[in-house]
Amino acid sequence: MNRTSSIELMAPAGNFESLQAALDNGADSVYFGVDQLNMRARASINFGLGDLKEIAQRCKEKNVRSYLTLNTIIYDHDLSVIKTLIDAAVEAEITAVIAMDQAVIAYARQKNMEIHISTQINITNIETVKFYAMFADTMVLSRELSLSQVEKITSQIKAENICGPGGRLVEIEIFGHGALCMAVSGKCYLSLHSHNSSANRGACKQNCRKKYTVIDQESGFEIELDNEYMMSPEDLCTIDFLDQIASAGVSVLKIEGRGRAPEYVAKTIQCYREAIDSIDQGTYSKEKVEGWMEELKKVYNRGFWSGYYLGQKLGSWSEVSGSKATQKKVYIGKGRHYYPKASVGEFLIEAYDLKVGDRILITGPTTGAKEADVKDLMVENSSEKSGKKGDIITLPLDFKIRPSDKLYKVVATEYQS
């Protein structure tokens, strides 16, 4: 293992922008899907087979582990595809495959590829861990377990010296932050029944995120609900009890969000990186947690709760259909050129005005997601307080931008505290 911290921080990557954001902000590992055989087949752009070598290369340069997700239900007509994907992953030197179907597990094992067991297997006890230890080095536990149940499993792994094929103790991974599903470990059939679009094939239509009412069919009486979004859980957040997670023996903390924007990946990984490091350094504190919580609120979220880790028996439901982020991005324009000697980026404004004092976000496949404050601004070589649509502007930046990059202004939302 290359990890030096107590917990491996695992980041989502739905595209190259998010991948770079994860690498730049301290991820120990990244997980990603290729084409349609992953649980976010429709939620994100997804990489293609030809991207595997570049993904592996970027990760190796940062000493970061790379995980290919092949964790959907597999049918007979998929078998040749999974073999092609695993063969390509082995050739590209991707670190491991995340799997739930025995066909994927068996073929990856045949190819001597490291295997991680997906949460879709729904591991809830030590005997199941023992069984999959024949095939896998890391296992993602069911999302419905309490932290005390997680700790019991990790302690039994150590006590009984349960090792995976790699010869080391089986490592336990849990979900640490992001979207939660109303179904048990994500196994849901609402979307299949309503739209013939299976969530278990990565094609969820998000039925649970909509408003619902309950009506008595005999009398027509409508039952009063505290919350119309009664099937849409708030997002999981564990940063305020991350020290307890570390004490429970968890090896890998997974951040959900392959369908989310690169700035979400950058912000969440940055906050959890700082939190894990502070635990290792003995500086984790309530004051720091409060600061991280405010930062996490800035990017996409449905509100936060602790999941089932602390023993809560009922879910905490979102009050909105979308995000409660305290900030949002507004498209301004696109990159044109970067002048390295002067450390200046050039942009074409295609939409709204930009002025000195604004907070900006720049995203791109190689740039990732970078934020900065506009301290100076020039229009056609003249120092100005603002630029408008159609202007070519230059801004001092301490990082390189590319012509493919997009420029946004970061503004407060109605949820701003």
Protein backbone atom coordinates (compact mmCIF):
# COMPACT_ATOMS: atom_id res chain seq x y z
CA MET A 1 0.00 0.00 0.00
CA ASN A 2 1.21 3.52 -0.80
CA ARG A 3 -1.03 5.17 1.78
CA THR A 4 0.71 7.03 4.60
CA SER A 5 -2.41 8.22 6.47
CA SER A 6 -4.61 6.15 8.78
CA ILE A 7 -7.50 6.08 6.30
CA GLU A 8 -7.37 5.83 2.51
CA LEU A 9 -9.38 8.69 1.03
CA MET A 10 -11.20 7.45 -2.06
CA ALA A 11 -12.52 10.00 -4.56
CA PRO A 12 -15.14 9.78 -7.32
CA ALA A 13 -14.21 10.56 -10.92
CA GLY A 14 -16.94 10.89 -13.54
CA ASN A 15 -14.70 12.60 -16.10
CA PHE A 16 -11.18 13.96 -16.48
CA GLU A 17 -12.06 17.26 -14.79
CA SER A 18 -13.16 15.45 -11.65
CA LEU A 19 -10.24 13.04 -11.85
CA GLN A 20 -7.77 15.91 -11.89
CA ALA A 21 -9.65 17.67 -9.08
CA ALA A 22 -9.31 14.51 -6.98
CA LEU A 23 -5.60 14.18 -7.72
CA ASP A 24 -4.90 17.85 -6.98
CA ASN A 25 -6.69 17.85 -3.64
CA GLY A 26 -5.15 14.87 -1.90
CA ALA A 27 -7.08 11.71 -2.83
CA ASP A 28 -5.31 8.43 -2.05
CA SER A 29 -7.38 6.57 -4.63
CA VAL A 30 -10.01 7.25 -7.29
CA TYR A 31 -12.85 5.13 -8.61
CA PHE A 32 -14.46 5.49 -12.01
CA GLY A 33 -16.75 3.75 -14.49
CA VAL A 34 -16.26 2.87 -18.13
CA ASP A 35 -19.16 2.94 -20.57
CA GLN A 36 -22.38 1.30 -19.29
CA LEU A 37 -21.42 -1.46 -16.84
CA ASN A 38 -21.24 0.62 -13.66
CA MET A 39 -23.72 2.01 -11.13
CA ARG A 40 -23.53 5.54 -12.57
CA ALA A 41 -23.99 4.65 -16.23
CA ARG A 42 -26.43 7.53 -16.77
CA ALA A 43 -25.49 9.85 -13.94
CA SER A 44 -22.13 10.91 -15.30
CA ILE A 45 -20.31 11.30 -18.58
CA ASN A 46 -18.24 8.15 -17.95
CA PHE A 47 -14.90 7.27 -19.46
CA GLY A 48 -14.33 5.14 -22.53
CA LEU A 49 -12.15 2.08 -22.93
CA GLY A 50 -9.49 4.20 -24.58
CA ASP A 51 -9.17 6.41 -21.50
CA LEU A 52 -7.84 3.69 -19.18
CA LYS A 53 -4.16 4.25 -19.93
CA GLU A 54 -4.37 8.00 -19.35
CA ILE A 55 -6.31 7.48 -16.10
CA ALA A 56 -3.69 5.01 -14.88
CA GLN A 57 -0.83 7.28 -15.91
CA ARG A 58 -2.24 10.36 -14.19
CA CYS A 59 -2.82 8.34 -11.02
CA LYS A 60 0.68 6.83 -11.06
CA GLU A 61 2.23 10.28 -11.36
CA LYS A 62 0.51 11.23 -8.09
CA ASN A 63 1.07 7.82 -6.42
CA VAL A 64 -2.72 7.34 -6.32
CA ARG A 65 -4.52 3.99 -6.66
CA SER A 66 -7.09 3.54 -9.46
CA TYR A 67 -10.27 1.45 -9.20
CA LEU A 68 -12.51 0.41 -12.09
CA THR A 69 -16.16 -0.05 -11.11
CA LEU A 70 -17.86 -3.06 -12.71
CA ASN A 71 -20.55 -3.43 -10.08
CA THR A 72 -23.83 -3.75 -11.98
CA ILE A 73 -25.94 -6.83 -12.61
CA ILE A 74 -24.32 -8.77 -15.46
CA TYR A 75 -26.32 -10.63 -18.11
CA ASP A 76 -25.08 -13.23 -20.59
CA HIS A 77 -24.72 -10.66 -23.34
CA ASP A 78 -22.41 -8.62 -21.08
CA LEU A 79 -19.86 -11.37 -20.49
CA SER A 80 -17.67 -10.60 -23.49
CA VAL A 81 -17.75 -6.90 -22.58
CA ILE A 82 -16.56 -7.41 -19.00
CA LYS A 83 -13.70 -9.58 -20.23
CA THR A 84 -12.67 -6.87 -22.69
CA LEU A 85 -12.81 -4.23 -19.94
CA ILE A 86 -10.84 -6.26 -17.42
CA ASP A 87 -8.24 -7.21 -20.03
CA ALA A 88 -7.82 -3.54 -20.92
CA ALA A 89 -7.64 -2.56 -17.24
CA VAL A 90 -4.91 -5.13 -16.58
CA GLU A 91 -2.95 -3.93 -19.61
CA ALA A 92 -3.30 -0.29 -18.50
CA GLU A 93 -2.21 -1.26 -14.95
CA ILE A 94 -5.39 -0.11 -13.22
CA THR A 95 -5.01 -1.06 -9.55
CA ALA A 96 -8.25 -2.95 -8.86
CA VAL A 97 -11.78 -3.71 -9.99
CA ILE A 98 -14.86 -3.08 -7.81
CA ALA A 99 -17.31 -5.94 -8.41
CA MET A 100 -20.49 -7.61 -7.18
CA ASP A 101 -21.27 -10.20 -9.85
CA GLN A 102 -19.53 -13.58 -9.62
CA ALA A 103 -18.73 -13.48 -13.33
CA VAL A 104 -16.71 -10.30 -12.85
CA ILE A 105 -15.07 -11.59 -9.68
CA ALA A 106 -14.12 -14.90 -11.31
CA TYR A 107 -12.63 -13.34 -14.44
CA ALA A 108 -10.72 -10.65 -12.54
CA ARG A 109 -9.34 -13.39 -10.29
CA GLN A 110 -8.30 -15.38 -13.35
CA LYS A 111 -6.40 -12.31 -14.57
CA ASN A 112 -4.75 -11.81 -11.14
CA MET A 113 -6.36 -8.40 -10.75
CA GLU A 114 -7.01 -7.03 -7.28
CA ILE A 115 -10.72 -7.21 -6.40
CA HIS A 116 -12.83 -5.02 -4.12
CA ILE A 117 -16.31 -6.23 -3.17
CA SER A 118 -19.02 -3.64 -3.89
CA THR A 119 -21.62 -2.50 -1.36
CA GLN A 120 -24.21 -4.10 -3.68
CA ILE A 121 -23.19 -7.48 -2.19
CA ASN A 122 -24.58 -6.17 1.11
CA ILE A 123 -21.92 -7.47 3.52
CA THR A 124 -23.22 -7.27 7.09
CA ASN A 125 -21.31 -9.95 9.04
CA ILE A 126 -17.92 -11.58 9.52
CA GLU A 127 -18.83 -14.90 7.88
CA THR A 128 -19.59 -13.12 4.61
CA VAL A 129 -16.25 -11.34 4.93
CA LYS A 130 -14.53 -14.71 5.34
CA PHE A 131 -16.21 -16.07 2.23
CA TYR A 132 -15.23 -13.16 -0.01
CA ALA A 133 -11.72 -13.11 1.44
CA MET A 134 -11.06 -15.98 -0.95
CA PHE A 135 -11.36 -13.47 -3.79
CA ALA A 136 -11.03 -9.91 -2.49
CA ASP A 137 -8.60 -7.71 -0.58
CA THR A 138 -11.05 -4.91 0.24
CA MET A 139 -14.77 -5.03 1.04
CA VAL A 140 -17.35 -2.26 1.14
CA LEU A 141 -19.78 -2.92 3.98
CA SER A 142 -23.53 -2.41 3.76
CA ARG A 143 -24.50 1.24 4.21
CA GLU A 144 -27.08 0.31 6.84
CA LEU A 145 -24.60 -0.86 9.49
CA SER A 146 -23.93 1.13 12.65
CA LEU A 147 -20.39 2.13 13.52
CA SER A 148 -20.34 -0.37 16.39
CA GLN A 149 -21.23 -3.15 13.92
CA VAL A 150 -18.46 -1.97 11.61
CA GLU A 151 -15.98 -2.00 14.48
CA LYS A 152 -16.97 -5.53 15.46
CA ILE A 153 -16.24 -6.75 11.92
CA THR A 154 -12.85 -4.99 11.73
CA SER A 155 -11.81 -6.32 15.15
CA GLN A 156 -12.77 -9.88 14.14
CA ILE A 157 -10.72 -9.55 10.95
CA LYS A 158 -7.67 -8.74 13.08
CA ALA A 159 -8.41 -11.33 15.76
CA GLU A 160 -8.87 -14.15 13.22
CA ASN A 161 -6.16 -12.85 10.86
CA ILE A 162 -8.48 -12.87 7.83
CA CYS A 163 -6.41 -12.11 4.75
CA GLY A 164 -7.27 -11.60 1.11
CA PRO A 165 -5.48 -13.06 -1.92
CA GLY A 166 -2.80 -10.36 -1.62
CA GLY A 167 -1.70 -11.80 1.70
CA ARG A 168 -2.61 -8.79 3.84
CA LEU A 169 -5.50 -8.34 6.26
CA VAL A 170 -8.79 -7.67 4.52
CA GLU A 171 -9.45 -3.94 4.47
CA ILE A 172 -12.89 -2.54 5.21
CA GLU A 173 -14.30 0.36 3.24
CA ILE A 174 -17.36 2.43 4.10
CA PHE A 175 -19.23 5.29 2.49
CA GLY A 176 -18.18 8.57 4.10
CA HIS A 177 -19.92 11.37 2.23
CA GLY A 178 -22.50 11.99 -0.48
CA ALA A 179 -25.86 10.80 -1.74
CA LEU A 180 -27.74 8.04 0.05
CA CYS A 181 -30.44 5.86 -1.50
CA MET A 182 -33.72 4.94 0.20
CA ALA A 183 -33.14 1.29 -0.80
CA VAL A 184 -30.95 -1.23 1.02
CA SER A 185 -27.40 -0.69 -0.27
CA GLY A 186 -28.79 0.83 -3.44
CA LYS A 187 -30.94 -2.12 -4.54
CA CYS A 188 -34.02 -0.34 -5.85
CA TYR A 189 -36.68 -1.30 -8.40
CA LEU A 190 -38.82 1.87 -8.50
CA SER A 191 -37.11 3.16 -11.62
CA LEU A 192 -37.39 -0.21 -13.34
CA HIS A 193 -41.11 -0.50 -12.64
CA SER A 194 -41.96 3.08 -13.61
CA HIS A 195 -39.60 3.71 -16.55
CA ASN A 196 -38.18 0.28 -17.45
CA SER A 197 -34.84 1.78 -16.46
CA SER A 198 -32.96 -0.29 -13.90
CA ALA A 199 -31.07 1.39 -11.07
CA ASN A 200 -29.17 -1.88 -10.74
CA ARG A 201 -27.80 -1.30 -14.22
CA GLY A 202 -26.74 2.25 -13.42
CA ALA A 203 -29.83 3.81 -15.00
CA CYS A 204 -31.81 5.15 -12.03
CA LYS A 205 -34.47 7.75 -12.86
CA GLN A 206 -34.40 9.14 -9.30
CA ASN A 207 -38.07 8.51 -8.51
CA CYS A 208 -37.32 8.89 -4.81
CA ARG A 209 -36.16 12.50 -5.23
CA LYS A 210 -39.66 13.71 -6.20
CA LYS A 211 -42.59 14.99 -4.13
CA TYR A 212 -45.18 12.48 -2.96
CA THR A 213 -48.53 12.50 -1.19
CA VAL A 214 -50.28 9.59 0.54
CA ILE A 215 -54.01 9.12 -0.15
CA ASP A 216 -56.43 6.61 1.39
CA GLN A 217 -57.98 4.91 -1.66
CA GLU A 218 -61.25 4.05 0.17
CA SER A 219 -62.09 7.48 1.59
CA GLY A 220 -59.91 9.76 -0.50
CA PHE A 221 -58.42 11.15 2.71
CA GLU A 222 -54.96 12.59 2.20
CA ILE A 223 -52.53 11.79 4.99
CA GLU A 224 -50.62 14.79 6.22
CA LEU A 225 -46.86 14.42 5.78
CA ASP A 226 -44.14 16.31 7.56
CA ASN A 227 -42.14 16.25 4.35
CA GLU A 228 -43.32 15.77 0.76
CA TYR A 229 -39.87 14.38 -0.15
CA MET A 230 -40.48 11.35 2.05
CA MET A 231 -38.24 8.99 0.07
CA SER A 232 -35.31 11.32 -0.59
CA PRO A 233 -32.62 11.05 2.11
CA GLU A 234 -30.35 13.91 2.97
CA ASP A 235 -26.71 13.42 2.00
CA LEU A 236 -24.37 11.47 4.23
CA CYS A 237 -21.68 13.45 6.05
CA THR A 238 -19.23 11.88 8.52
CA ILE A 239 -16.61 14.58 8.92
CA ASP A 240 -17.93 15.49 12.38
CA PHE A 241 -17.30 11.99 13.75
CA LEU A 242 -14.44 10.94 11.51
CA ASP A 243 -12.27 10.27 14.56
CA GLN A 244 -14.76 7.57 15.61
CA ILE A 245 -14.57 6.04 12.13
CA ALA A 246 -10.78 5.89 12.38
CA SER A 247 -11.06 4.26 15.82
CA ALA A 248 -13.49 1.69 14.39
CA GLY A 249 -10.72 0.30 12.19
CA VAL A 250 -12.04 1.50 8.83
CA SER A 251 -9.31 1.41 6.17
CA VAL A 252 -10.97 3.21 3.25
CA LEU A 253 -13.39 6.15 3.25
CA LYS A 254 -15.38 6.48 0.03
CA ILE A 255 -16.69 9.84 -1.15
CA GLU A 256 -19.78 9.41 -3.36
CA GLY A 257 -20.24 11.64 -6.40
CA ARG A 258 -19.26 10.38 -9.85
CA GLY A 259 -22.25 12.29 -11.23
CA ARG A 260 -21.28 15.54 -9.52
CA ALA A 261 -19.27 18.51 -10.77
CA PRO A 262 -15.46 18.77 -10.44
CA GLU A 263 -15.73 21.56 -7.84
CA TYR A 264 -17.73 19.16 -5.65
CA VAL A 265 -14.92 16.61 -5.88
CA ALA A 266 -12.29 19.28 -5.18
CA LYS A 267 -14.09 20.66 -2.13
CA THR A 268 -15.08 17.36 -0.51
CA ILE A 269 -11.67 15.76 -1.03
CA GLN A 270 -9.92 18.87 0.27
CA CYS A 271 -12.02 18.91 3.45
CA TYR A 272 -11.77 15.18 4.18
CA ARG A 273 -8.03 15.21 3.38
CA GLU A 274 -7.52 17.91 5.99
CA ALA A 275 -9.73 16.05 8.47
CA ILE A 276 -7.92 12.70 8.08
CA ASP A 277 -4.53 14.40 8.35
CA SER A 278 -5.63 16.28 11.47
CA ILE A 279 -6.69 13.00 13.12
CA ASP A 280 -3.27 11.54 12.35
CA GLN A 281 -1.58 14.66 13.72
CA GLY A 282 -3.76 14.86 16.85
CA THR A 283 -5.21 18.26 15.91
CA TYR A 284 -8.78 17.20 15.01
CA SER A 285 -11.18 19.54 16.85
CA LYS A 286 -14.74 20.83 17.03
CA GLU A 287 -13.63 24.20 15.67
CA LYS A 288 -12.03 22.61 12.61
CA VAL A 289 -15.11 20.46 12.03
CA GLU A 290 -17.31 23.57 12.01
CA GLY A 291 -15.07 25.12 9.35
CA TRP A 292 -15.13 22.00 7.18
CA MET A 293 -18.92 21.78 7.46
CA GLU A 294 -19.28 25.33 6.16
CA GLU A 295 -17.00 24.51 3.24
CA LEU A 296 -18.91 21.31 2.40
CA LYS A 297 -22.16 23.25 2.36
CA LYS A 298 -20.84 25.38 -0.50
CA VAL A 299 -21.08 22.56 -3.05
CA TYR A 300 -23.96 20.30 -4.07
CA ASN A 301 -25.80 18.77 -1.12
CA ARG A 302 -29.34 17.91 -0.03
CA GLY A 303 -28.59 18.73 3.58
CA PHE A 304 -26.50 16.46 5.78
CA TRP A 305 -27.06 13.65 8.27
CA SER A 306 -24.94 10.89 9.78
CA GLY A 307 -26.59 7.93 8.08
CA TYR A 308 -27.03 4.88 10.29
CA TYR A 309 -23.51 4.93 11.75
CA LEU A 310 -24.49 6.47 15.07
CA GLY A 311 -27.49 4.20 15.61
CA GLN A 312 -30.26 6.39 14.18
CA LYS A 313 -33.15 4.12 13.23
CA LEU A 314 -35.02 6.37 10.78
CA GLY A 315 -33.71 8.29 7.81
CA SER A 316 -33.38 12.05 7.63
CA TRP A 317 -35.22 13.30 4.57
CA SER A 318 -34.38 16.20 2.30
CA GLU A 319 -36.77 19.16 2.12
CA VAL A 320 -35.90 20.05 -1.47
CA SER A 321 -35.65 18.23 -4.79
CA GLY A 322 -32.19 19.53 -5.60
CA SER A 323 -29.19 21.08 -3.92
CA LYS A 324 -28.99 23.16 -0.74
CA ALA A 325 -25.50 24.38 -1.61
CA THR A 326 -24.67 27.81 -0.22
CA GLN A 327 -22.84 28.67 -3.44
CA LYS A 328 -23.39 28.12 -7.15
CA LYS A 329 -21.39 28.73 -10.31
CA VAL A 330 -22.44 31.06 -13.12
CA TYR A 331 -20.86 30.57 -16.54
CA ILE A 332 -18.79 33.56 -17.65
CA GLY A 333 -16.65 32.44 -20.56
CA LYS A 334 -13.81 30.22 -21.79
CA GLY A 335 -10.03 30.12 -21.65
CA ARG A 336 -7.92 31.32 -24.55
CA HIS A 337 -4.28 31.28 -23.48
CA TYR A 338 -1.91 31.20 -20.52
CA TYR A 339 1.24 33.32 -20.34
CA PRO A 340 3.62 31.45 -18.01
CA LYS A 341 6.26 34.19 -17.65
CA ALA A 342 3.67 36.71 -16.47
CA SER A 343 1.44 34.06 -14.76
CA VAL A 344 -1.59 35.47 -16.55
CA GLY A 345 -4.62 33.72 -18.00
CA GLU A 346 -6.57 35.06 -20.97
CA PHE A 347 -10.34 34.51 -21.31
CA LEU A 348 -13.19 35.43 -23.63
CA ILE A 349 -16.29 36.60 -21.74
CA GLU A 350 -19.33 35.02 -23.37
CA ALA A 351 -22.02 35.66 -20.77
CA TYR A 352 -22.19 37.76 -17.60
CA ASP A 353 -19.92 40.56 -16.42
CA LEU A 354 -16.90 39.86 -14.24
CA LYS A 355 -15.37 42.39 -11.86
CA VAL A 356 -12.47 42.80 -9.46
CA GLY A 357 -13.37 41.17 -6.14
CA ASP A 358 -15.37 38.31 -7.68
CA ARG A 359 -14.63 34.71 -6.78
CA ILE A 360 -14.02 32.54 -9.86
CA LEU A 361 -13.92 28.83 -10.64
CA ILE A 362 -12.00 27.43 -13.60
CA THR A 363 -12.58 23.85 -14.74
CA GLY A 364 -11.04 21.71 -17.44
CA PRO A 365 -9.96 18.13 -18.26
CA THR A 366 -6.35 18.90 -17.33
CA THR A 367 -6.92 21.86 -15.01
CA GLY A 368 -9.41 20.04 -12.79
CA ALA A 369 -11.28 22.57 -10.62
CA LYS A 370 -9.42 25.64 -9.38
CA GLU A 371 -10.82 28.63 -7.47
CA ALA A 372 -9.31 32.10 -7.17
CA ASP A 373 -10.20 35.70 -6.36
CA VAL A 374 -10.12 38.35 -9.09
CA LYS A 375 -7.56 40.81 -7.72
CA ASP A 376 -6.70 42.53 -11.00
CA LEU A 377 -8.38 42.53 -14.40
CA MET A 378 -7.28 43.84 -17.76
CA VAL A 379 -9.34 44.41 -20.90
CA GLU A 380 -7.35 44.87 -24.13
CA ASN A 381 -4.17 45.65 -22.12
CA SER A 382 -5.95 48.28 -20.04
CA SER A 383 -6.50 47.86 -16.29
CA GLU A 384 -10.24 47.86 -15.59
CA LYS A 385 -12.61 47.21 -12.69
CA SER A 386 -14.78 44.88 -14.76
CA GLY A 387 -15.20 43.07 -18.06
CA LYS A 388 -18.38 42.53 -20.05
CA LYS A 389 -19.73 40.11 -22.64
CA GLY A 390 -17.50 40.07 -25.73
CA ASP A 391 -14.39 41.34 -23.90
CA ILE A 392 -11.10 39.48 -23.95
CA ILE A 393 -9.71 39.76 -20.44
CA THR A 394 -6.54 38.73 -18.64
CA LEU A 395 -6.28 37.73 -14.98
CA PRO A 396 -3.21 36.98 -12.82
CA LEU A 397 -3.31 33.28 -11.90
CA ASP A 398 -0.81 31.03 -10.12
CA PHE A 399 -1.90 27.99 -12.14
CA LYS A 400 -1.99 27.19 -15.85
CA ILE A 401 -5.22 27.35 -17.85
CA ARG A 402 -6.03 25.83 -21.25
CA PRO A 403 -8.22 26.86 -24.22
CA SER A 404 -10.69 24.10 -23.31
CA ASP A 405 -11.21 25.50 -19.79
CA LYS A 406 -14.46 27.08 -18.63
CA LEU A 407 -14.61 30.21 -16.48
CA TYR A 408 -17.34 30.60 -13.85
CA LYS A 409 -18.21 33.17 -11.21
CA VAL A 410 -18.99 31.75 -7.76
CA VAL A 411 -22.01 33.43 -6.14
CA ALA A 412 -24.08 32.92 -3.00
CA THR A 413 -27.43 31.11 -3.12
CA GLU A 414 -30.59 31.42 -1.06
CA TYR A 415 -29.15 28.82 1.34
CA GLN A 416 -26.19 31.04 2.19
CA SER A 417 -25.78 31.10 5.97
